[in-house]
Amino acid sequence: MDKFTQAYDKARDVVTKQKFEADWQAFSEKAGMAKLLDASGFRSGAGSTADAVRKRLEKAARDKERKVGEVIYDASVNAKSPGLLADRAATIKFVKHVHHVHKRGGQDVWVYAPPKSDAGWVFDEITGDAATIKARLEHDDEIFSADERKWMSTSLGKARKISEDCKAKLAGGKVKSARTSVKDMVKRWFLDDADNADDLEAAFTTLYAGFKKIAAACNKATLVFADYPDWRAQRDKYFGAAFRGGEGGAFPVIYLEGAFTRLTGNSGKMWLCVETVIHEMSHHEVSTQDHRYDHHGLKPTTGSFPYATAIENADSWGYFALDLAGYLSRADRDKVLK
């Protein structure tokens, strides 16, 4: 596996086609595990399901004086069920690390926080003999803390506001209807030394269409933040990731890493967290690329960073959005535009 949606689809397939141990199967149906894993994404109104799974596991471990990994293993034993015991155990483990962090109107924000000690996706991780499976099921060092999960939701809310603001200020994608300050802002981040009028018109059209999509994605009924296992060894060097054009599921998935989460509690750095969300949303919704990052310098120049490259650069979209919405300080802007 190499995508969250693949793990999600696998878990959904298990709860709809396989059966847990009898008592756990009854609990699964009562708690709504199959309802939680809806075809369109984690179902609104099922936010308590993962909490119920965690509570049942903890209670069973206390009552039976057993480890949680052993409880999950036993809950997955059913010789009459199709499929593999390991997949049923991995599905319970998957749901155990799902957190419903925010509800706003018709939108639900979820965070999938797998253990740091896992080397890969849960269905790749829960394999081997019984002893190995039980030991891996015991991993509980979640990669995102409760505070970090709240931070993600807060950043999304600000990214939503900024994206809507950008959409409005880009005035339907037409240069002639935009304020001079907005035109200057587009030139600042995307037009190279040639300052071509056709490029300016094209930039307005592209940015307006793009921020319409980004704003819509920030308002999706289901949105998931997750961790990308391949980056575990170097996660403090990365802020986030997203698959260009999405990853085939019915909901946006944004991967956030250590460089993002270590900013938790530092309100002076909130702008960088929001920029990360917009940056990754531009990958997801507009298929932008990572030609350059802020530390490389984002000033458009005819030779090394022309308009054609800047307009498809994710970090340029992120910083432009913050600047246009008035959230980027002059010092930070000057530092990045080098």
Protein backbone atom coordinates (compact mmCIF):
# COMPACT_ATOMS: atom_id res chain seq x y z
CA MET A 1 0.00 0.00 0.00
CA ASP A 2 1.12 3.56 -0.60
CA LYS A 3 -2.02 5.66 0.00
CA PHE A 4 -4.39 6.30 2.87
CA THR A 5 -7.40 5.63 0.65
CA GLN A 6 -6.09 2.13 -0.06
CA ALA A 7 -5.97 1.38 3.66
CA TYR A 8 -9.42 2.95 4.10
CA ASP A 9 -10.92 0.90 1.27
CA LYS A 10 -9.35 -2.27 2.65
CA ALA A 11 -10.78 -1.64 6.11
CA ARG A 12 -14.20 -0.95 4.61
CA ASP A 13 -14.01 -4.16 2.59
CA VAL A 14 -13.21 -6.16 5.74
CA VAL A 15 -16.07 -4.79 7.86
CA THR A 16 -18.60 -5.36 5.08
CA LYS A 17 -17.47 -8.82 3.93
CA GLN A 18 -15.83 -10.50 6.93
CA LYS A 19 -16.90 -11.37 10.48
CA PHE A 20 -15.08 -10.85 13.76
CA GLU A 21 -15.34 -13.13 16.79
CA ALA A 22 -19.05 -13.41 17.75
CA ASP A 23 -19.10 -10.92 20.66
CA TRP A 24 -16.92 -8.47 18.75
CA GLN A 25 -19.06 -8.83 15.65
CA ALA A 26 -22.13 -7.91 17.70
CA PHE A 27 -20.27 -4.94 19.17
CA SER A 28 -19.03 -3.88 15.71
CA GLU A 29 -22.59 -3.79 14.41
CA LYS A 30 -23.89 -1.93 17.45
CA ALA A 31 -21.03 0.61 17.41
CA GLY A 32 -21.45 1.14 13.67
CA MET A 33 -18.02 0.24 12.32
CA ALA A 34 -19.45 -0.47 8.88
CA LYS A 35 -21.40 2.80 8.98
CA LEU A 36 -18.27 4.72 9.98
CA LEU A 37 -16.40 3.44 6.92
CA ASP A 38 -18.84 4.74 4.33
CA ALA A 39 -18.15 4.67 0.58
CA SER A 40 -17.98 8.47 0.56
CA GLY A 41 -15.60 8.67 3.53
CA PHE A 42 -15.94 8.57 7.31
CA ARG A 43 -19.64 9.09 7.89
CA SER A 44 -20.90 12.20 9.63
CA GLY A 45 -22.61 11.27 12.86
CA ALA A 46 -20.35 8.26 13.41
CA GLY A 47 -17.63 10.22 15.16
CA SER A 48 -18.11 8.28 18.41
CA THR A 49 -17.50 4.88 16.79
CA ALA A 50 -13.70 4.98 17.06
CA ASP A 51 -14.01 6.22 20.66
CA ALA A 52 -16.24 3.24 21.42
CA VAL A 53 -13.68 0.85 19.90
CA ARG A 54 -10.88 2.33 22.01
CA LYS A 55 -12.97 2.14 25.20
CA ARG A 56 -13.96 -1.47 24.58
CA LEU A 57 -10.37 -2.50 23.94
CA GLU A 58 -9.15 -0.77 27.10
CA LYS A 59 -11.94 -2.27 29.23
CA ALA A 60 -11.39 -5.78 27.87
CA ALA A 61 -7.67 -5.50 28.53
CA ARG A 62 -8.32 -4.42 32.14
CA ASP A 63 -11.05 -6.97 32.83
CA LYS A 64 -9.14 -9.89 31.35
CA GLU A 65 -5.72 -8.66 32.50
CA ARG A 66 -4.39 -8.98 28.99
CA LYS A 67 -2.56 -6.70 26.60
CA VAL A 68 -4.56 -4.69 24.07
CA GLY A 69 -2.76 -6.45 21.22
CA GLU A 70 -3.97 -9.81 22.53
CA VAL A 71 -7.51 -8.47 22.86
CA ILE A 72 -7.50 -7.28 19.23
CA TYR A 73 -6.09 -10.62 18.09
CA ASP A 74 -8.76 -12.60 19.94
CA ALA A 75 -11.48 -10.31 18.59
CA SER A 76 -10.35 -11.22 15.07
CA VAL A 77 -10.48 -15.00 15.46
CA ASN A 78 -13.30 -16.51 13.41
CA ALA A 79 -12.58 -19.68 11.48
CA LYS A 80 -15.92 -19.42 9.67
CA SER A 81 -15.25 -15.97 8.25
CA PRO A 82 -13.84 -15.43 4.77
CA GLY A 83 -10.58 -13.50 4.58
CA LEU A 84 -7.59 -13.36 6.89
CA LEU A 85 -7.41 -12.98 10.65
CA ALA A 86 -4.55 -10.48 10.15
CA ASP A 87 -6.77 -8.25 8.01
CA ARG A 88 -9.55 -8.29 10.59
CA ALA A 89 -7.06 -7.39 13.31
CA ALA A 90 -5.56 -4.63 11.14
CA THR A 91 -9.06 -3.21 10.59
CA ILE A 92 -9.73 -2.92 14.32
CA LYS A 93 -6.28 -1.37 14.68
CA PHE A 94 -7.04 1.06 11.83
CA VAL A 95 -10.27 2.27 13.48
CA LYS A 96 -8.53 2.51 16.86
CA HIS A 97 -6.27 5.25 15.48
CA VAL A 98 -9.02 7.30 13.81
CA HIS A 99 -10.00 10.55 15.55
CA HIS A 100 -12.95 12.81 14.81
CA VAL A 101 -11.50 16.24 15.60
CA HIS A 102 -13.99 18.79 14.36
CA LYS A 103 -17.50 19.27 13.04
CA ARG A 104 -18.53 22.47 11.30
CA GLY A 105 -21.96 22.51 9.71
CA GLY A 106 -21.94 19.64 7.23
CA GLN A 107 -18.18 19.10 7.45
CA ASP A 108 -16.33 16.54 9.55
CA VAL A 109 -12.55 16.67 9.98
CA TRP A 110 -10.74 13.45 10.82
CA VAL A 111 -7.16 12.59 11.74
CA TYR A 112 -5.60 9.16 11.29
CA ALA A 113 -2.77 8.89 13.81
CA PRO A 114 -1.00 5.51 13.48
CA PRO A 115 1.83 4.49 15.84
CA LYS A 116 5.27 6.00 15.32
CA SER A 117 6.76 2.55 15.76
CA ASP A 118 4.93 1.16 12.74
CA ALA A 119 7.12 0.95 9.65
CA GLY A 120 4.30 1.04 7.08
CA TRP A 121 0.57 1.05 6.45
CA VAL A 122 -1.41 -0.99 8.95
CA PHE A 123 -2.35 -3.80 6.55
CA ASP A 124 1.29 -4.22 5.59
CA GLU A 125 2.37 -4.01 9.22
CA ILE A 126 0.01 -6.61 10.76
CA THR A 127 1.52 -9.77 9.27
CA GLY A 128 3.51 -12.78 10.40
CA ASP A 129 2.89 -15.43 13.04
CA ALA A 130 0.55 -14.97 16.01
CA ALA A 131 3.26 -13.65 18.32
CA THR A 132 4.44 -11.08 15.76
CA ILE A 133 0.91 -9.90 15.01
CA LYS A 134 0.07 -9.51 18.70
CA ALA A 135 3.26 -7.54 19.33
CA ARG A 136 2.57 -5.15 16.45
CA LEU A 137 -1.05 -4.75 17.49
CA GLU A 138 0.28 -3.54 20.83
CA HIS A 139 1.96 -0.46 19.27
CA ASP A 140 0.16 2.59 20.66
CA ASP A 141 2.57 5.53 20.34
CA GLU A 142 0.35 7.64 18.09
CA ILE A 143 2.24 9.95 15.78
CA PHE A 144 -0.07 12.94 16.39
CA SER A 145 -0.96 14.18 19.86
CA ALA A 146 -4.38 15.51 20.81
CA ASP A 147 -3.04 19.09 20.67
CA GLU A 148 -1.53 18.49 17.23
CA ARG A 149 -4.82 17.11 15.95
CA LYS A 150 -6.61 20.27 17.11
CA TRP A 151 -3.88 22.38 15.49
CA MET A 152 -4.58 20.71 12.15
CA SER A 153 -8.27 21.53 12.37
CA THR A 154 -7.51 25.15 13.29
CA SER A 155 -5.13 25.46 10.33
CA LEU A 156 -7.76 24.05 7.99
CA GLY A 157 -10.29 26.61 9.19
CA LYS A 158 -7.91 29.46 8.43
CA ALA A 159 -6.94 27.92 5.08
CA ARG A 160 -10.64 27.77 4.20
CA LYS A 161 -11.12 31.45 5.06
CA ILE A 162 -8.02 32.54 3.12
CA SER A 163 -8.94 30.48 0.05
CA GLU A 164 -12.43 31.99 -0.02
CA ASP A 165 -10.86 35.45 0.34
CA CYS A 166 -8.51 34.79 -2.59
CA LYS A 167 -11.36 33.58 -4.74
CA ALA A 168 -13.29 36.77 -4.06
CA LYS A 169 -10.34 39.09 -4.66
CA LEU A 170 -9.42 37.43 -7.94
CA ALA A 171 -12.75 38.78 -9.24
CA GLY A 172 -13.94 35.94 -11.42
CA GLY A 173 -10.55 35.40 -13.02
CA LYS A 174 -10.57 38.69 -14.96
CA VAL A 175 -7.76 41.23 -14.71
CA LYS A 176 -9.90 44.21 -15.68
CA SER A 177 -12.28 43.76 -12.75
CA ALA A 178 -9.56 43.38 -10.11
CA ARG A 179 -8.08 46.06 -7.90
CA THR A 180 -4.62 47.37 -8.70
CA SER A 181 -3.28 45.94 -5.43
CA VAL A 182 -4.46 42.46 -6.43
CA LYS A 183 -2.89 42.77 -9.88
CA ASP A 184 0.37 43.81 -8.24
CA MET A 185 0.18 40.83 -5.91
CA VAL A 186 -0.27 38.39 -8.79
CA LYS A 187 2.68 39.99 -10.59
CA ARG A 188 4.79 39.78 -7.44
CA TRP A 189 4.41 36.02 -7.05
CA PHE A 190 3.97 34.76 -10.59
CA LEU A 191 5.11 37.14 -13.34
CA ASP A 192 8.75 37.11 -14.30
CA ASP A 193 10.88 40.00 -15.57
CA ALA A 194 9.03 40.08 -18.91
CA ASP A 195 5.81 41.19 -17.12
CA ASN A 196 3.72 39.89 -20.03
CA ALA A 197 0.09 41.08 -20.16
CA ASP A 198 -1.04 37.74 -21.60
CA ASP A 199 0.66 35.92 -18.73
CA LEU A 200 -1.09 38.19 -16.23
CA GLU A 201 -4.47 37.40 -17.78
CA ALA A 202 -3.67 33.70 -17.82
CA ALA A 203 -2.51 33.84 -14.19
CA PHE A 204 -5.80 35.40 -13.06
CA THR A 205 -7.79 32.72 -14.89
CA THR A 206 -5.67 29.89 -13.46
CA LEU A 207 -5.58 31.22 -9.91
CA TYR A 208 -9.29 31.96 -9.74
CA ALA A 209 -10.21 28.50 -11.05
CA GLY A 210 -7.69 26.93 -8.70
CA PHE A 211 -8.79 28.72 -5.55
CA LYS A 212 -12.41 27.86 -6.33
CA LYS A 213 -11.35 24.21 -6.19
CA ILE A 214 -9.18 24.66 -3.10
CA ALA A 215 -11.93 26.52 -1.23
CA ALA A 216 -14.41 23.80 -2.17
CA ALA A 217 -11.99 21.10 -0.97
CA CYS A 218 -11.51 22.92 2.34
CA ASN A 219 -15.30 22.73 2.71
CA LYS A 220 -15.67 19.05 1.77
CA ALA A 221 -18.06 17.03 3.93
CA THR A 222 -15.19 14.69 4.83
CA LEU A 223 -11.54 15.68 5.05
CA VAL A 224 -8.73 13.54 6.44
CA PHE A 225 -5.30 14.43 7.80
CA ALA A 226 -2.88 11.51 8.00
CA ASP A 227 0.78 10.59 8.25
CA TYR A 228 2.82 9.23 5.34
CA PRO A 229 4.82 6.17 6.54
CA ASP A 230 7.58 6.41 3.92
CA TRP A 231 8.74 9.68 5.53
CA ARG A 232 8.92 8.40 9.12
CA ALA A 233 12.72 8.35 9.21
CA GLN A 234 13.00 11.98 8.07
CA ARG A 235 9.61 13.37 9.03
CA ASP A 236 11.05 16.41 10.84
CA LYS A 237 12.39 17.66 7.50
CA TYR A 238 8.97 17.68 5.85
CA PHE A 239 5.84 19.73 6.41
CA GLY A 240 3.32 17.80 4.36
CA ALA A 241 2.32 16.01 1.18
CA ALA A 242 -0.64 15.25 -1.07
CA PHE A 243 -1.08 13.25 -4.23
CA ARG A 244 -1.30 15.45 -7.31
CA GLY A 245 -4.88 15.47 -8.51
CA GLY A 246 -6.03 13.49 -5.47
CA GLU A 247 -5.72 9.78 -4.78
CA GLY A 248 -8.93 8.42 -6.21
CA GLY A 249 -11.08 8.51 -3.09
CA ALA A 250 -14.23 10.51 -2.46
CA PHE A 251 -12.54 12.87 0.02
CA PRO A 252 -9.34 14.96 0.27
CA VAL A 253 -6.39 13.47 2.16
CA ILE A 254 -3.57 15.71 3.38
CA TYR A 255 -0.44 14.20 4.92
CA LEU A 256 1.20 16.27 7.64
CA GLU A 257 4.62 15.60 9.09
CA GLY A 258 6.94 16.57 11.91
CA ALA A 259 8.00 19.99 10.66
CA PHE A 260 4.32 20.96 10.75
CA THR A 261 3.34 19.41 14.04
CA ARG A 262 6.35 20.66 16.01
CA LEU A 263 4.96 24.19 15.55
CA THR A 264 2.03 23.35 17.82
CA GLY A 265 1.25 26.11 20.32
CA ASN A 266 3.39 28.71 18.57
CA SER A 267 0.73 31.14 17.35
CA GLY A 268 3.37 33.22 15.59
CA LYS A 269 3.92 30.30 13.23
CA MET A 270 0.26 29.63 12.47
CA TRP A 271 0.71 31.27 9.06
CA LEU A 272 3.25 28.59 8.10
CA CYS A 273 0.85 25.81 9.08
CA VAL A 274 -1.91 27.40 7.01
CA GLU A 275 0.47 27.83 4.08
CA THR A 276 1.24 24.12 4.31
CA VAL A 277 -2.44 23.20 4.09
CA ILE A 278 -3.00 25.48 1.08
CA HIS A 279 0.21 24.23 -0.53
CA GLU A 280 -0.92 20.61 -0.21
CA MET A 281 -4.46 21.42 -1.30
CA SER A 282 -3.05 22.96 -4.47
CA HIS A 283 -1.35 19.62 -5.20
CA HIS A 284 -4.56 17.76 -4.50
CA GLU A 285 -6.94 20.01 -6.40
CA VAL A 286 -4.84 21.79 -9.06
CA SER A 287 -2.02 19.28 -9.62
CA THR A 288 0.67 21.83 -8.79
CA GLN A 289 4.26 20.65 -8.47
CA ASP A 290 7.19 21.25 -6.13
CA HIS A 291 9.57 23.12 -8.41
CA ARG A 292 10.81 25.28 -5.54
CA TYR A 293 10.30 25.69 -1.82
CA ASP A 294 10.43 28.92 0.18
CA HIS A 295 14.05 28.43 1.23
CA HIS A 296 15.07 28.30 -2.45
CA GLY A 297 13.50 31.71 -3.08
CA LEU A 298 10.19 32.22 -4.88
CA LYS A 299 10.79 35.43 -6.79
CA PRO A 300 9.84 34.84 -10.46
CA THR A 301 12.69 35.50 -12.90
CA THR A 302 12.83 35.00 -16.66
CA GLY A 303 15.81 32.67 -16.62
CA SER A 304 15.62 30.45 -13.55
CA PHE A 305 12.00 30.69 -12.35
CA PRO A 306 9.77 31.93 -15.19
CA TYR A 307 6.02 32.48 -15.09
CA ALA A 308 5.28 29.04 -16.60
CA THR A 309 7.07 27.38 -13.67
CA ALA A 310 5.90 29.72 -10.90
CA ILE A 311 2.22 29.35 -11.83
CA GLU A 312 2.39 25.60 -11.21
CA ASN A 313 4.55 25.79 -8.08
CA ALA A 314 2.71 24.80 -4.89
CA ASP A 315 4.70 27.01 -2.50
CA SER A 316 4.07 30.02 -4.75
CA TRP A 317 0.33 29.37 -4.44
CA GLY A 318 0.56 29.04 -0.67
CA TYR A 319 2.54 32.22 -0.08
CA PHE A 320 0.51 34.19 -2.62
CA ALA A 321 -2.67 33.23 -0.74
CA LEU A 322 -1.30 34.39 2.61
CA ASP A 323 -0.01 37.62 1.09
CA LEU A 324 -3.23 38.41 -0.74
CA ALA A 325 -5.30 37.76 2.38
CA GLY A 326 -3.01 39.96 4.49
CA TYR A 327 -1.57 37.22 6.70
CA LEU A 328 2.04 37.41 5.52
CA SER A 329 4.36 39.89 7.21
CA ARG A 330 6.58 42.08 5.07
CA ALA A 331 9.68 40.56 6.68
CA ASP A 332 8.55 37.04 5.82
CA ARG A 333 7.55 38.10 2.31
CA ASP A 334 10.90 39.73 1.65
CA LYS A 335 12.72 36.68 2.97
CA VAL A 336 10.86 34.33 0.63
CA LEU A 337 10.95 36.59 -2.44
CA LYS A 338 14.70 36.34 -2.93
